[in-house]
Protein backbone atom coordinates (compact mmCIF):
# COMPACT_ATOMS: atom_id res chain seq x y z
CA MET A 1 -189.18 -67.97 4.57
CA LYS A 2 -185.13 -68.51 3.65
CA TRP A 3 -184.30 -69.79 0.59
CA ILE A 4 -180.88 -72.17 0.92
CA PRO A 5 -178.52 -71.63 -1.69
CA LEU A 6 -176.81 -74.24 -2.97
CA CYS A 7 -172.56 -74.24 -4.05
CA TYR A 8 -169.61 -76.06 -5.03
CA SER A 9 -166.33 -75.58 -4.29
CA LEU A 10 -164.50 -73.96 -7.54
CA ALA A 11 -160.79 -73.96 -6.81
CA PHE A 12 -159.04 -74.54 -3.26
CA LEU A 13 -155.48 -72.59 -2.09
CA SER A 14 -152.98 -73.51 0.16
CA SER A 15 -153.97 -73.09 3.75
CA LEU A 16 -152.59 -70.33 5.39
CA PRO A 17 -149.81 -70.63 8.10
CA SER A 18 -149.65 -69.61 12.03
CA TYR A 19 -153.35 -68.83 12.68
CA ALA A 20 -156.30 -70.27 12.20
CA GLU A 21 -155.99 -72.46 9.72
CA THR A 22 -158.01 -70.55 6.32
CA LYS A 23 -158.11 -71.56 2.83
CA THR A 24 -159.39 -69.16 0.23
CA ILE A 25 -162.45 -70.44 -2.07
CA GLY A 26 -164.80 -69.56 -4.93
CA HIS A 27 -167.82 -69.97 -5.10
CA SER A 28 -170.36 -70.44 -7.93
CA PRO A 29 -174.44 -70.99 -7.16
CA ILE A 30 -176.06 -74.31 -9.08
CA ALA A 31 -179.96 -73.87 -8.53
CA GLU A 32 -181.18 -77.42 -7.86
CA SER A 33 -184.45 -76.50 -6.27
CA PRO A 34 -186.81 -74.41 -7.34
CA LEU A 35 -186.68 -72.45 -3.97
CA PHE A 36 -183.26 -71.10 -1.82
CA LEU A 37 -184.26 -70.40 1.41
CA ASN A 38 -181.43 -68.96 3.24
CA ASP A 39 -178.93 -65.61 3.47
CA SER A 40 -176.85 -66.03 0.12
CA TYR A 41 -172.72 -65.38 0.17
CA LEU A 42 -173.35 -66.53 -3.41
CA GLY A 43 -170.25 -64.94 -5.99
CA ARG A 44 -167.78 -64.05 -3.51
CA PHE A 45 -164.33 -65.25 -2.52
CA GLN A 46 -164.10 -66.23 1.37
CA GLU A 47 -161.85 -67.65 3.73
CA GLU A 48 -162.13 -70.97 5.16
CA VAL A 49 -161.57 -70.72 9.14
CA LYS A 50 -160.99 -74.18 10.84
CA GLY A 51 -160.56 -74.36 14.59
CA LYS A 52 -161.35 -76.01 18.21
CA ILE A 53 -163.88 -74.99 21.36
CA VAL A 54 -163.19 -76.26 24.18
CA ASP A 55 -164.39 -75.28 28.34
CA GLU A 56 -161.57 -74.35 30.60
CA GLN A 57 -160.75 -77.55 31.86
CA GLY A 58 -159.33 -78.25 27.95
CA THR A 59 -162.93 -80.60 27.20
CA PRO A 60 -164.16 -80.30 23.75
CA ILE A 61 -167.64 -78.53 23.38
CA SER A 62 -169.96 -79.34 21.21
CA GLY A 63 -172.87 -78.03 19.83
CA ALA A 64 -170.91 -74.66 20.15
CA THR A 65 -172.33 -71.83 17.84
CA ILE A 66 -169.53 -70.00 15.34
CA ARG A 67 -170.69 -67.18 13.57
CA GLU A 68 -169.06 -64.46 11.59
CA LYS A 69 -170.05 -60.59 13.22
CA ASN A 70 -172.68 -59.15 11.52
CA THR A 71 -173.27 -61.74 8.78
CA ASN A 72 -175.32 -64.44 8.59
CA GLN A 73 -172.81 -66.97 7.77
CA SER A 74 -172.86 -69.44 11.15
CA THR A 75 -171.91 -73.34 11.99
CA GLN A 76 -171.66 -75.33 14.84
CA SER A 77 -169.47 -77.31 16.80
CA ALA A 78 -168.26 -81.24 16.37
CA GLU A 79 -168.18 -83.99 18.80
CA ASP A 80 -164.77 -83.38 19.21
CA GLY A 81 -165.00 -79.57 19.77
CA THR A 82 -164.10 -79.01 15.88
CA PHE A 83 -165.56 -76.73 12.99
CA THR A 84 -164.87 -74.97 9.92
CA LEU A 85 -166.33 -71.68 8.62
CA GLN A 86 -166.44 -69.84 5.60
CA VAL A 87 -165.50 -65.81 6.63
CA SER A 88 -165.50 -62.50 4.42
CA SER A 89 -162.36 -62.16 5.03
CA ARG A 90 -159.34 -63.20 7.61
CA SER A 91 -160.04 -59.75 9.68
CA SER A 92 -163.69 -61.36 10.31
CA ILE A 93 -164.62 -61.49 13.82
CA LEU A 94 -166.16 -64.84 15.10
CA VAL A 95 -168.71 -65.22 17.73
CA VAL A 96 -168.77 -68.01 19.78
CA SER A 97 -171.67 -69.05 22.25
CA SER A 98 -172.82 -71.84 23.81
CA ILE A 99 -175.37 -73.26 26.42
CA GLY A 100 -174.17 -72.65 29.41
CA PHE A 101 -171.06 -70.61 28.60
CA GLY A 102 -170.45 -66.73 28.17
CA GLN A 103 -170.25 -65.77 24.63
CA LYS A 104 -166.93 -64.26 23.02
CA GLU A 105 -165.65 -62.61 20.50
CA VAL A 106 -162.61 -64.20 18.82
CA PRO A 107 -160.54 -62.87 15.94
CA ALA A 108 -160.82 -65.06 12.73
CA MET A 109 -156.73 -65.43 12.48
CA GLU A 110 -156.56 -66.62 16.14
CA ALA A 111 -159.32 -69.19 16.23
CA SER A 112 -157.60 -72.59 16.35
CA SER A 113 -158.33 -73.35 19.99
CA ILE A 114 -161.18 -71.23 21.31
CA SER A 115 -161.65 -71.75 25.32
CA LEU A 116 -165.00 -70.27 26.57
CA GLN A 117 -166.04 -69.73 30.14
CA ALA A 118 -168.87 -71.26 32.17
CA ALA A 119 -171.70 -68.18 32.75
CA GLU A 120 -172.16 -68.10 36.25
CA ASP A 121 -176.06 -66.29 35.67
CA GLN A 122 -176.45 -69.88 33.58
CA ILE A 123 -175.38 -72.04 36.53
CA GLU A 124 -178.00 -70.75 38.86
CA GLU A 125 -180.33 -71.02 36.44
CA VAL A 126 -183.18 -73.00 37.02
CA VAL A 127 -184.37 -75.67 34.43
CA VAL A 128 -187.45 -78.05 34.39
CA VAL A 129 -186.62 -81.20 34.35
CA GLY A 130 -189.72 -83.93 34.54
CA PHE A 131 -191.77 -83.04 37.47
CA GLY A 132 -189.66 -80.51 39.24
CA THR A 133 -186.93 -77.71 38.41
CA GLN A 134 -183.41 -77.99 39.20
CA LYS A 135 -180.45 -75.73 39.30
CA LYS A 136 -178.30 -76.38 35.68
CA VAL A 137 -174.70 -76.38 38.12
CA ASN A 138 -176.75 -79.89 39.62
CA LEU A 139 -177.44 -80.98 36.18
CA THR A 140 -176.48 -84.64 35.61
CA GLY A 141 -178.90 -85.81 32.06
CA ALA A 142 -178.40 -84.78 29.10
CA ILE A 143 -181.00 -81.71 29.55
CA ALA A 144 -180.92 -78.00 27.29
CA HIS A 145 -182.56 -75.19 28.47
CA VAL A 146 -183.88 -71.83 26.58
CA GLY A 147 -185.17 -68.75 28.07
CA LYS A 148 -187.15 -66.21 26.92
CA GLU A 149 -184.22 -63.56 25.26
CA ALA A 150 -184.39 -66.56 22.43
CA PHE A 151 -188.14 -65.45 21.39
CA GLU A 152 -188.68 -61.97 22.41
CA ASN A 153 -187.96 -58.99 20.30
CA ARG A 154 -187.01 -61.49 17.45
CA PRO A 155 -188.95 -61.40 13.67
CA VAL A 156 -189.84 -65.02 13.69
CA ALA A 157 -192.74 -66.83 12.06
CA ASN A 158 -193.06 -69.60 14.32
CA ILE A 159 -191.11 -71.71 17.24
CA GLY A 160 -189.30 -73.96 15.15
CA GLN A 161 -187.70 -70.58 13.46
CA ALA A 162 -186.23 -69.15 17.12
CA LEU A 163 -184.60 -72.94 17.74
CA GLN A 164 -182.39 -72.90 14.95
CA GLY A 165 -179.00 -73.46 16.05
CA LEU A 166 -179.40 -72.76 19.92
CA VAL A 167 -180.12 -76.43 21.08
CA PRO A 168 -177.38 -79.20 20.48
CA ASN A 169 -178.77 -82.26 18.84
CA LEU A 170 -182.66 -80.77 18.30
CA ASN A 171 -182.46 -81.08 14.36
CA ILE A 172 -185.21 -78.88 12.96
CA SER A 173 -186.53 -79.04 9.40
CA PHE A 174 -188.60 -77.50 7.17
CA GLY A 175 -191.04 -79.52 4.64
CA ASN A 176 -191.39 -76.43 2.21
CA GLY A 177 -191.24 -72.38 2.42
CA ALA A 178 -195.19 -71.53 2.77
CA PRO A 179 -196.11 -69.61 5.70
CA ASN A 180 -198.42 -72.19 7.21
CA THR A 181 -195.40 -74.72 7.50
CA THR A 182 -195.06 -76.60 10.80
CA PRO A 183 -191.51 -77.26 11.49
CA GLY A 184 -190.45 -80.88 12.38
CA PHE A 185 -188.40 -81.75 15.55
CA ASN A 186 -185.87 -84.24 15.89
CA LEU A 187 -183.95 -84.87 19.46
CA ARG A 188 -182.27 -88.18 18.86
CA GLY A 189 -181.69 -88.72 15.41
CA GLY A 190 -182.25 -91.85 13.72
CA THR A 191 -184.62 -93.97 16.30
CA SER A 192 -185.82 -96.79 14.05
CA MET A 193 -186.20 -98.05 10.33
CA ALA A 194 -188.35 -99.18 7.85
CA TYR A 195 -188.42 -100.51 4.46
CA ASN A 196 -189.48 -98.44 1.26
CA ALA A 197 -191.27 -100.86 -1.20
CA ASN A 198 -190.62 -98.23 -4.14
CA THR A 199 -186.97 -98.11 -3.05
CA LYS A 200 -187.03 -101.21 -1.95
CA GLU A 201 -184.57 -100.07 0.83
CA PHE A 202 -184.47 -99.48 4.39
CA GLU A 203 -184.91 -96.10 5.43
CA THR A 204 -184.07 -94.24 8.83
CA VAL A 205 -187.08 -92.95 10.49
CA ASN A 206 -186.92 -90.09 12.75
CA GLY A 207 -189.28 -90.11 15.76
CA ASP A 208 -191.50 -86.39 16.94
CA PRO A 209 -190.14 -86.16 20.66
CA LEU A 210 -193.10 -85.51 23.24
CA VAL A 211 -194.49 -82.25 23.69
CA ILE A 212 -195.62 -81.03 27.06
CA ILE A 213 -196.94 -77.43 27.38
CA ASP A 214 -197.36 -76.18 30.73
CA GLY A 215 -197.46 -79.79 32.10
CA VAL A 216 -200.14 -80.81 29.46
CA GLU A 217 -199.12 -83.25 26.84
CA ASN A 218 -199.67 -80.79 22.90
CA THR A 219 -198.40 -81.79 19.42
CA THR A 220 -195.25 -80.23 17.96
CA ALA A 221 -198.16 -78.32 15.20
CA ALA A 222 -199.98 -77.17 19.02
CA LEU A 223 -196.21 -75.68 19.79
CA ASN A 224 -195.92 -73.79 16.91
CA GLN A 225 -199.22 -72.16 17.25
CA LEU A 226 -198.23 -70.30 19.83
CA ASN A 227 -196.85 -66.77 19.79
CA PRO A 228 -193.40 -66.72 20.44
CA ASN A 229 -193.41 -64.04 22.58
CA ASP A 230 -195.02 -65.64 24.70
CA ILE A 231 -193.20 -68.13 25.52
CA ARG A 232 -191.25 -68.43 29.03
CA ASP A 233 -188.76 -70.89 28.83
CA MET A 234 -187.85 -74.57 27.03
CA SER A 235 -185.91 -77.69 28.35
CA PHE A 236 -185.21 -80.38 26.15
CA ILE A 237 -184.73 -83.67 27.62
CA LYS A 238 -182.60 -85.66 25.27
CA ASP A 239 -181.19 -88.94 27.39
CA ALA A 240 -183.44 -91.65 28.28
CA SER A 241 -184.41 -90.69 31.87
CA ALA A 242 -187.09 -89.03 29.88
CA GLY A 243 -188.69 -92.31 29.80
CA ALA A 244 -188.78 -92.93 33.35
CA ILE A 245 -190.72 -90.11 34.14
CA TYR A 246 -193.10 -90.34 31.16
CA GLY A 247 -193.19 -93.47 29.69
CA THR A 248 -192.59 -94.76 26.03
CA LYS A 249 -194.46 -91.54 24.50
CA ALA A 250 -191.01 -89.69 25.53
CA ALA A 251 -189.21 -92.38 23.39
CA TYR A 252 -187.93 -89.93 20.86
CA GLY A 253 -187.14 -87.32 23.81
CA VAL A 254 -189.34 -84.68 25.29
CA ILE A 255 -189.73 -81.00 25.24
CA LEU A 256 -190.79 -79.05 28.00
CA VAL A 257 -192.64 -75.65 27.39
CA ARG A 258 -193.88 -73.16 30.31
CA THR A 259 -195.49 -69.81 29.14
CA LYS A 260 -195.24 -66.45 30.72
CA THR A 261 -196.86 -65.64 33.80
CA GLY A 262 -196.62 -62.49 36.08
CA GLU A 263 -194.96 -61.71 39.35
CA PHE A 264 -196.25 -61.47 42.94
CA ASN A 265 -196.26 -57.91 44.26
CA GLN A 266 -195.16 -56.30 41.62
CA LYS A 267 -197.23 -53.01 39.24
CA GLY A 268 -198.88 -53.52 36.54
CA ARG A 269 -197.18 -53.36 33.38
CA ILE A 270 -198.18 -52.78 29.78
CA SER A 271 -195.88 -54.13 26.97
CA TYR A 272 -196.74 -53.74 22.89
CA ASN A 273 -193.97 -55.20 20.49
CA PHE A 274 -194.14 -55.08 16.94
CA ASP A 275 -191.75 -57.20 14.85
CA ALA A 276 -191.40 -57.06 10.99
CA ASN A 277 -189.12 -58.57 8.29
CA PHE A 278 -189.08 -59.34 4.49
CA ASP A 279 -187.90 -62.27 3.35
CA THR A 280 -186.44 -62.06 -0.09
CA PRO A 281 -185.16 -64.93 -2.86
CA THR A 282 -181.42 -64.99 -3.07
CA ALA A 283 -181.26 -67.09 -6.31
CA LEU A 284 -183.83 -68.77 -8.65
CA PRO A 285 -183.26 -71.51 -11.63
CA ASP A 286 -181.66 -70.00 -14.54
CA VAL A 287 -184.15 -71.79 -16.66
CA LEU A 288 -183.67 -72.10 -20.76
CA ASN A 289 -186.19 -70.46 -22.82
CA SER A 290 -188.52 -71.89 -25.40
CA TYR A 291 -186.32 -71.84 -27.83
CA GLU A 292 -183.16 -73.28 -26.59
CA ILE A 293 -185.14 -76.27 -24.88
CA GLN A 294 -186.56 -77.05 -27.93
CA ARG A 295 -183.02 -77.03 -29.93
CA ALA A 296 -181.47 -79.15 -26.66
CA SER A 297 -184.14 -81.43 -27.72
CA MET A 298 -183.33 -81.96 -31.50
CA ASP A 299 -179.69 -82.40 -30.73
CA ARG A 300 -180.33 -84.87 -28.20
CA THR A 301 -182.11 -86.59 -31.51
CA LEU A 302 -179.49 -86.42 -33.73
CA TRP A 303 -176.32 -87.03 -30.95
CA THR A 304 -178.53 -90.80 -30.36
CA ASN A 305 -178.57 -91.46 -34.15
CA GLY A 306 -182.04 -90.56 -34.38
CA SER A 307 -183.53 -88.00 -37.23
CA VAL A 308 -185.61 -85.12 -36.37
CA SER A 309 -189.00 -85.05 -37.74
CA ASN A 310 -190.26 -81.74 -40.05
CA SER A 311 -192.31 -81.10 -37.39
CA GLU A 312 -189.70 -80.73 -34.98
CA GLU A 313 -188.19 -78.10 -37.36
CA ASN A 314 -191.40 -76.31 -37.96
CA LYS A 315 -191.70 -75.80 -34.40
CA LEU A 316 -188.50 -74.36 -33.93
CA ASN A 317 -188.97 -72.42 -36.58
CA MET A 318 -192.32 -70.92 -35.13
CA ILE A 319 -190.97 -70.29 -31.50
CA GLN A 320 -188.01 -68.58 -32.92
CA LYS A 321 -190.70 -66.05 -34.65
CA TYR A 322 -192.61 -65.51 -31.64
CA LEU A 323 -189.49 -64.62 -29.85
CA ASP A 324 -188.82 -62.37 -33.20
CA ASN A 325 -192.68 -60.54 -32.23
CA PRO A 326 -193.89 -61.70 -29.59
CA VAL A 327 -197.67 -60.79 -29.83
CA PRO A 328 -200.67 -63.10 -28.76
CA GLU A 329 -200.99 -64.49 -32.16
CA ASN A 330 -197.50 -65.82 -32.83
CA ALA A 331 -197.74 -67.70 -29.23
CA TRP A 332 -199.51 -71.06 -31.22
CA TYR A 333 -200.03 -72.67 -34.95
CA GLU A 334 -202.32 -75.32 -36.10
CA GLU A 335 -200.72 -78.84 -37.02
CA GLY A 336 -202.37 -82.44 -37.91
CA GLY A 337 -205.49 -80.89 -35.83
CA ARG A 338 -204.01 -79.37 -33.29
CA VAL A 339 -202.87 -76.45 -31.38
CA ILE A 340 -198.94 -76.26 -30.45
CA TRP A 341 -198.24 -73.82 -28.81
CA VAL A 342 -194.46 -72.03 -29.05
CA GLY A 343 -194.32 -68.95 -26.46
CA ASN A 344 -192.01 -68.37 -24.13
CA VAL A 345 -192.83 -67.43 -20.34
CA ASN A 346 -190.01 -67.77 -17.44
CA PRO A 347 -192.33 -69.21 -14.97
CA TYR A 348 -190.45 -68.26 -12.13
CA GLU A 349 -189.67 -64.84 -12.67
CA THR A 350 -193.58 -64.63 -13.72
CA ALA A 351 -194.84 -66.35 -10.10
CA VAL A 352 -192.32 -65.50 -7.53
CA LYS A 353 -192.12 -62.16 -6.06
CA LYS A 354 -188.78 -60.06 -4.98
CA TRP A 355 -189.54 -59.64 -1.42
CA THR A 356 -192.65 -60.53 0.60
CA PRO A 357 -193.11 -59.00 4.32
CA MET A 358 -194.30 -60.47 7.78
CA GLN A 359 -195.31 -58.37 10.50
CA LYS A 360 -196.34 -59.57 14.37
CA HIS A 361 -198.10 -57.84 16.91
CA THR A 362 -198.14 -58.67 20.81
CA LEU A 363 -200.04 -56.18 22.99
CA ASN A 364 -199.46 -58.13 27.15
CA PHE A 365 -200.51 -56.77 30.60
CA SER A 366 -198.95 -57.97 33.51
CA GLY A 367 -198.89 -57.86 37.69
CA GLY A 368 -199.33 -59.34 40.76
CA GLY A 369 -200.13 -58.15 44.55
CA GLU A 370 -199.30 -60.41 47.61
CA ALA A 371 -201.76 -63.77 46.53
CA VAL A 372 -202.62 -62.93 43.04
CA ASN A 373 -200.50 -62.59 39.63
CA TYR A 374 -201.49 -62.31 36.44
CA TYR A 375 -199.95 -62.64 32.98
CA ILE A 376 -202.42 -61.85 30.01
CA SER A 377 -201.42 -61.55 25.99
CA THR A 378 -202.79 -61.18 22.67
CA GLY A 379 -201.03 -61.31 19.36
CA LEU A 380 -201.28 -60.97 15.50
CA GLN A 381 -198.65 -62.32 12.80
CA ASN A 382 -199.55 -61.67 9.47
CA GLN A 383 -197.78 -63.11 6.85
CA SER A 384 -197.63 -62.77 2.36
CA GLY A 385 -196.21 -66.13 0.53
CA MET A 386 -194.15 -65.55 -2.30
CA TYR A 387 -196.42 -65.78 -5.06
CA LYS A 388 -196.91 -62.91 -7.75
CA ILE A 389 -199.67 -64.05 -9.01
CA ASN A 390 -202.72 -64.47 -6.25
CA THR A 391 -200.50 -64.95 -3.29
CA ASP A 392 -201.22 -67.41 -0.48
CA GLU A 393 -201.99 -65.19 3.07
CA PHE A 394 -201.48 -66.67 6.69
CA LYS A 395 -202.78 -64.86 9.80
CA ARG A 396 -202.41 -66.34 13.36
CA TYR A 397 -204.26 -64.79 16.29
CA ASN A 398 -203.06 -65.66 19.75
CA ALA A 399 -204.83 -64.83 23.35
CA LEU A 400 -203.33 -66.38 26.52
CA ILE A 401 -204.39 -65.28 30.28
CA ASN A 402 -202.58 -67.08 33.11
CA VAL A 403 -203.49 -66.35 36.16
CA ASN A 404 -201.45 -67.92 40.18
CA ALA A 405 -203.12 -67.50 43.09
CA LYS A 406 -202.28 -68.83 46.57
CA ILE A 407 -205.29 -69.69 48.49
CA THR A 408 -204.09 -70.62 51.61
CA SER A 409 -200.87 -71.20 53.24
CA TRP A 410 -201.39 -74.98 51.71
CA PHE A 411 -203.48 -74.81 48.61
CA ASN A 412 -202.36 -72.91 45.24
CA LEU A 413 -203.88 -72.89 41.78
CA PHE A 414 -202.56 -71.96 38.80
CA GLY A 415 -205.29 -71.29 35.72
CA LYS A 416 -205.12 -71.22 32.21
CA VAL A 417 -206.84 -70.21 28.72
CA SER A 418 -205.36 -70.14 25.87
CA PHE A 419 -206.82 -69.76 22.22
CA ASP A 420 -204.81 -70.17 18.92
CA GLN A 421 -206.49 -69.87 15.84
CA THR A 422 -204.48 -69.54 12.62
CA HIS A 423 -206.28 -68.95 9.01
CA TYR A 424 -203.86 -69.45 5.44
CA GLU A 425 -205.26 -68.83 1.69
CA THR A 426 -203.56 -70.55 -1.00
CA PRO A 427 -204.15 -71.25 -4.74
CA TYR A 428 -205.92 -73.94 -5.36
CA LEU A 429 -204.43 -76.63 -7.70
CA VAL A 430 -206.20 -79.51 -8.73
CA GLY A 431 -204.37 -82.86 -7.68
CA GLY A 432 -203.89 -84.02 -11.30
CA LYS A 433 -201.57 -80.89 -11.36
CA GLY A 434 -199.20 -82.20 -8.85
CA ASN A 435 -196.52 -80.04 -7.00
CA LEU A 436 -195.97 -75.98 -8.88
CA TRP A 437 -192.43 -75.80 -8.74
CA GLU A 438 -191.75 -79.54 -9.52
CA ALA A 439 -194.35 -78.88 -12.42
CA MET A 440 -192.68 -75.37 -13.60
CA MET A 441 -189.22 -77.43 -13.94
CA THR A 442 -190.62 -80.71 -15.24
CA ASP A 443 -193.17 -79.98 -18.02
CA PRO A 444 -192.08 -77.07 -20.15
CA ALA A 445 -194.10 -77.90 -22.99
CA ARG A 446 -197.07 -76.29 -20.83
CA ASN A 447 -195.87 -74.40 -18.59
CA ILE A 448 -192.85 -72.60 -20.94
CA ASN A 449 -194.34 -72.71 -24.26
CA THR A 450 -198.02 -72.24 -22.92
CA PRO A 451 -198.89 -68.10 -22.19
CA LEU A 452 -201.09 -67.83 -19.51
CA MET A 453 -204.00 -66.71 -21.42
CA THR A 454 -204.83 -66.53 -24.63
CA GLY A 455 -205.06 -63.07 -26.81
CA PRO A 456 -207.79 -60.61 -27.35
CA ASN A 457 -207.63 -61.70 -31.40
CA ASP A 458 -207.39 -65.71 -30.83
CA PRO A 459 -210.37 -67.62 -31.70
CA LEU A 460 -211.27 -68.35 -28.21
CA PRO A 461 -209.95 -64.73 -26.71
CA ASN A 462 -208.93 -63.86 -23.10
CA ALA A 463 -209.18 -67.54 -22.03
CA TYR A 464 -206.94 -69.34 -19.41
CA THR A 465 -204.52 -71.82 -20.83
CA ASP A 466 -203.20 -75.15 -19.47
CA ASN A 467 -200.26 -73.54 -17.90
CA ILE A 468 -199.90 -73.93 -14.24
CA LEU A 469 -199.82 -70.87 -13.87
CA SER A 470 -203.46 -70.27 -14.89
CA TRP A 471 -205.23 -72.40 -12.26
CA ILE A 472 -203.01 -69.59 -10.06
CA SER A 473 -204.30 -66.76 -11.73
CA TYR A 474 -208.01 -67.56 -12.56
CA GLY A 475 -208.68 -67.32 -8.44
CA ALA A 476 -209.77 -70.36 -6.65
CA ARG A 477 -208.40 -70.40 -3.45
CA ASN A 478 -208.66 -73.25 -0.56
CA ARG A 479 -208.94 -71.39 3.25
CA SER A 480 -207.92 -73.39 5.55
CA VAL A 481 -209.08 -72.30 9.39
CA ASN A 482 -207.53 -74.41 12.91
CA ARG A 483 -208.80 -73.12 15.78
CA ARG A 484 -207.21 -74.89 19.11
CA MET A 485 -208.53 -74.08 22.85
CA SER A 486 -206.84 -74.84 25.77
CA LEU A 487 -208.42 -74.32 29.23
CA LEU A 488 -206.03 -75.46 32.41
CA ALA A 489 -206.66 -75.54 36.25
CA SER A 490 -203.59 -76.70 38.26
CA PRO A 491 -204.61 -76.92 42.09
CA GLU A 492 -201.50 -77.89 44.15
CA PHE A 493 -201.79 -79.11 47.79
CA ILE A 494 -198.60 -78.19 50.13
CA ILE A 495 -198.71 -81.25 52.83
CA LEU A 496 -195.00 -80.81 53.99
CA PRO A 497 -193.28 -77.26 53.22
CA ASN A 498 -190.23 -77.20 50.88
CA LYS A 499 -190.41 -81.03 51.16
CA LEU A 500 -193.42 -82.81 49.91
CA LYS A 501 -196.71 -81.24 47.47
CA VAL A 502 -199.10 -82.83 45.29
CA LYS A 503 -200.10 -81.35 41.79
CA ALA A 504 -202.72 -81.97 39.72
CA ASP A 505 -203.49 -80.68 35.90
CA LEU A 506 -206.50 -80.91 34.47
CA ALA A 507 -206.67 -79.58 31.21
CA TYR A 508 -209.75 -79.59 28.31
CA GLN A 509 -208.45 -79.04 24.33
CA PRO A 510 -211.06 -78.67 21.97
CA GLN A 511 -209.44 -78.21 17.89
CA SER A 512 -211.44 -77.67 14.69
CA PHE A 513 -210.15 -77.33 11.23
CA LEU A 514 -212.07 -76.35 8.59
CA THR A 515 -211.10 -76.22 4.85
CA ILE A 516 -213.52 -73.87 1.65
CA LEU A 517 -212.93 -73.66 -1.73
CA LYS A 518 -213.58 -70.30 -3.13
CA ILE A 519 -214.12 -69.67 -6.26
CA SER A 520 -213.70 -65.72 -7.77
CA LYS A 521 -214.12 -66.25 -10.62
CA GLU A 522 -215.43 -68.06 -13.86
CA CYS A 523 -212.26 -70.12 -15.65
């Protein structure tokens, strides 16, 4: 889970001549969302670098990744090869890379025009295209390819995170920052339009690409359940040629995935991989306290020619009393037979951790003889959410067995057994409470003025209140278990060596989903 800072420019100074165009920019954070999920560059003065990426013939390269070395600041080149990137200083080094080209490091002051050379090893690389494979140098369609190096030894939670920024025109979106969030994939941009009856406007619709894993149709959810360390390579077919092979299901593009296999005549290998990382919020909304909220509400009434009631004045005074002496007895008072809460809770400081861990273990065995090879892998991922109270927990278990056998000179057989299971536990919220983060921002009377529990000397002692965080605290949890199994047999008959062969993919993929509500405390 990463935090995305929202910033706006405060000052623009004149660009500096004689090298790649730069501008000094100051930034100030604006917290418009409860969770910001990316590495921050808040509070720093930066240089804006502009340049252009071309190949050896001077043709612009679109989708190239430009990154400031030793930082997480990066961008991609546009269709005309141009880019703009904010770096920490004029002496920064830019690392430029693009699929099919060698990586290049360039000083920021010399980045006005960057020429990349084609990588010889990638030109000879074999890419999966529909029913077969082809050398990348012979490709004529809009096909991108990502090898196993993009997934190995990287502390990423799922395939979507590993692919971010690697494939031109692959748009990856995350609905929220929960550990079990399934990223959305879009290969061909806006693909249709739909009328929204609520806004009475037409909206762009983005269709999901067709996902093929080891020759069998799957879903993006199944793709994200895979262990990234088990991926051999992925190909992305983005043009209309996909429809010629896969039909109308490929109208939004195709993602072809191959899992790892063993090698013939290879000694047995045992490999263990451990990844760990820590996620931390870079910024949280700086919310007003209860007194400032009440004061602002009264000022708004006065500024709109209204009059402030004695009840509102009394509430302001009681809030100040609590702030002066924050004991449970001062967090409420009665008026007109009703309880008025006047406490002061910062929901973000109370609910959000400063950091949370994620760890991933992978153990695999591979090898082969002259006629048979094998690859066996097991994986475990354990990830905690960002709640400080009764936090959510995500676990994923993976098992994979791939076997290739040369039965005769004209008959080969590939067999696969895979099992993926995810466990996700999260605090339970009743439907009327709405979204946790929206509630904390839009309902201050309940979630800022109201403490999580009553005091020991209150008329109803040590009881949970109606604060949204109380629903998390008392311990009710939703537990969801998602299991997916894949049994695959792929017989291959060689009719004419190197010319004609017939292959079939026979698959059985049962899946189950279970949700359990657990009550661990009495409310």
